[in-house]
Amino acid sequence: MVWSVRDDGGPPPLYDHCLAHFTIKMHHGGRLEGSNYVDGSFGFIDYCDEDEIGIIELSNMAIDLGITYSNDYYLRSNGYFTLIKSDVDALRMCQLVGSRRVVDVYAVCNIVDVLLTQCSRVGRW
């Protein structure tokens, strides 16, 4: 089964027979402040497959949640945020899936809000 975004208020799936599947609770629209993720909201992506998870999949999930900006993705383990830098790091999230079959992923916009402008030099000597 392919992953899917859960409808608002929809019930979580039952993963009784397939331990390879899990849910990602993707936090987005917030920011990291020390050891906390503040502001923002979250959505659920169900039927994630541990054999098919990677950076590209996380980006596609974010797009399906309506997140249109560029993101860095983080996992939180033992109170610390760890940047997901590669597909190997993404696979690590499968180790964090507990009996609830849910893992938290934190999307943080990585675009700096700086707009550089240059005065036009046309006609100036």
Protein backbone atom coordinates (compact mmCIF):
# COMPACT_ATOMS: atom_id res chain seq x y z
CA MET A 1 0.00 0.00 0.00
CA VAL A 2 1.21 3.53 -0.78
CA TRP A 3 1.36 6.17 1.96
CA SER A 4 -1.51 8.62 2.19
CA VAL A 5 -2.32 11.84 4.01
CA ARG A 6 -4.97 11.28 6.67
CA ASP A 7 -8.11 13.40 6.40
CA ASP A 8 -8.55 15.92 9.23
CA GLY A 9 -10.16 14.14 12.12
CA GLY A 10 -9.82 10.76 10.43
CA PRO A 11 -9.13 7.69 12.56
CA PRO A 12 -5.64 6.16 12.63
CA PRO A 13 -5.19 2.94 10.70
CA LEU A 14 -4.78 -0.42 12.36
CA TYR A 15 -1.40 -1.93 11.56
CA ASP A 16 -2.05 -5.26 13.29
CA HIS A 17 -0.78 -7.49 10.49
CA CYS A 18 1.95 -5.37 8.95
CA LEU A 19 4.77 -4.21 11.16
CA ALA A 20 6.56 -2.66 8.16
CA HIS A 21 3.97 0.15 8.05
CA PHE A 22 3.81 3.16 10.33
CA THR A 23 2.46 6.72 10.54
CA ILE A 24 4.48 9.92 10.33
CA LYS A 25 3.20 12.86 12.36
CA MET A 26 4.74 15.71 10.38
CA HIS A 27 5.03 18.97 12.27
CA HIS A 28 5.28 22.00 9.98
CA GLY A 29 5.05 25.78 9.96
CA GLY A 30 7.02 26.08 13.21
CA ARG A 31 10.63 26.59 14.15
CA LEU A 32 13.25 25.07 16.40
CA GLU A 33 14.06 27.00 19.56
CA GLY A 34 16.63 25.14 21.62
CA SER A 35 15.17 21.75 22.42
CA ASN A 36 11.61 22.73 21.44
CA TYR A 37 9.59 22.99 18.24
CA VAL A 38 7.32 26.02 18.61
CA ASP A 39 4.27 27.24 16.73
CA GLY A 40 3.11 25.46 13.61
CA SER A 41 0.74 22.57 13.17
CA PHE A 42 0.90 18.96 12.09
CA GLY A 43 -0.60 16.37 9.78
CA PHE A 44 -0.54 12.59 9.63
CA ILE A 45 0.80 10.45 6.81
CA ASP A 46 -0.37 6.85 7.13
CA TYR A 47 0.85 3.59 5.63
CA CYS A 48 4.51 4.65 5.41
CA ASP A 49 6.69 1.71 4.46
CA GLU A 50 10.05 1.30 6.17
CA ASP A 51 11.55 -0.06 2.94
CA GLU A 52 10.53 3.00 0.91
CA ILE A 53 11.25 5.95 3.18
CA GLY A 54 13.76 8.63 2.16
CA ILE A 55 14.36 12.36 1.75
CA ILE A 56 12.40 12.51 -1.52
CA GLU A 57 9.44 10.76 0.11
CA LEU A 58 9.49 13.22 3.02
CA SER A 59 9.47 16.12 0.56
CA ASN A 60 6.56 14.60 -1.38
CA MET A 61 4.65 14.04 1.87
CA ALA A 62 5.20 17.69 2.81
CA ILE A 63 3.88 18.81 -0.57
CA ASP A 64 0.78 16.63 -0.12
CA LEU A 65 0.24 18.30 3.27
CA GLY A 66 0.27 21.67 1.49
CA ILE A 67 3.77 22.72 2.54
CA THR A 68 5.17 24.57 -0.45
CA TYR A 69 8.46 25.88 0.92
CA SER A 70 11.82 24.14 1.08
CA ASN A 71 12.43 22.18 4.27
CA ASP A 72 14.98 20.51 6.42
CA TYR A 73 13.57 17.51 8.27
CA TYR A 74 14.42 16.55 11.82
CA LEU A 75 13.85 13.61 14.13
CA ARG A 76 13.72 14.02 17.88
CA SER A 77 15.35 11.40 20.02
CA ASN A 78 16.34 11.61 23.70
CA GLY A 79 15.33 15.28 23.77
CA TYR A 80 17.56 16.31 20.85
CA PHE A 81 16.72 17.17 17.26
CA THR A 82 18.74 15.41 14.58
CA LEU A 83 18.81 16.65 11.00
CA ILE A 84 17.83 14.04 8.42
CA LYS A 85 20.65 14.54 5.90
CA SER A 86 20.38 11.36 3.85
CA ASP A 87 18.20 8.38 3.07
CA VAL A 88 20.18 6.42 5.67
CA ASP A 89 19.14 9.01 8.28
CA ALA A 90 15.54 8.72 7.06
CA LEU A 91 15.66 4.96 7.54
CA ARG A 92 16.78 5.58 11.12
CA MET A 93 13.30 6.89 11.87
CA CYS A 94 12.03 3.33 11.56
CA GLN A 95 14.00 2.51 14.71
CA LEU A 96 12.03 5.21 16.55
CA VAL A 97 8.64 3.72 15.69
CA GLY A 98 7.17 2.38 18.89
CA SER A 99 4.12 0.30 19.69
CA ARG A 100 1.83 3.17 18.63
CA ARG A 101 3.38 2.89 15.11
CA VAL A 102 3.83 6.71 14.98
CA VAL A 103 7.03 8.71 14.56
CA ASP A 104 7.34 12.50 14.75
CA VAL A 105 9.11 14.36 11.94
CA TYR A 106 9.71 18.11 12.17
CA ALA A 107 9.79 20.19 8.97
CA VAL A 108 11.69 23.47 9.25
CA CYS A 109 11.81 25.99 6.43
CA ASN A 110 15.41 26.36 5.28
CA ILE A 111 14.96 29.51 3.19
CA VAL A 112 16.45 32.65 4.69
CA ASP A 113 14.12 35.60 4.38
CA VAL A 114 16.66 37.88 2.75
CA LEU A 115 15.98 39.66 -0.49
CA LEU A 116 19.02 41.21 -2.08
CA THR A 117 18.36 43.96 -4.55
CA GLN A 118 20.62 45.92 -6.81
CA CYS A 119 19.95 49.41 -8.03
CA SER A 120 19.69 49.55 -11.75
CA ARG A 121 22.76 50.97 -13.38
CA VAL A 122 21.07 51.44 -16.74
CA GLY A 123 21.70 54.96 -17.99
CA ARG A 124 24.15 55.75 -15.18
CA TRP A 125 27.78 56.50 -15.95
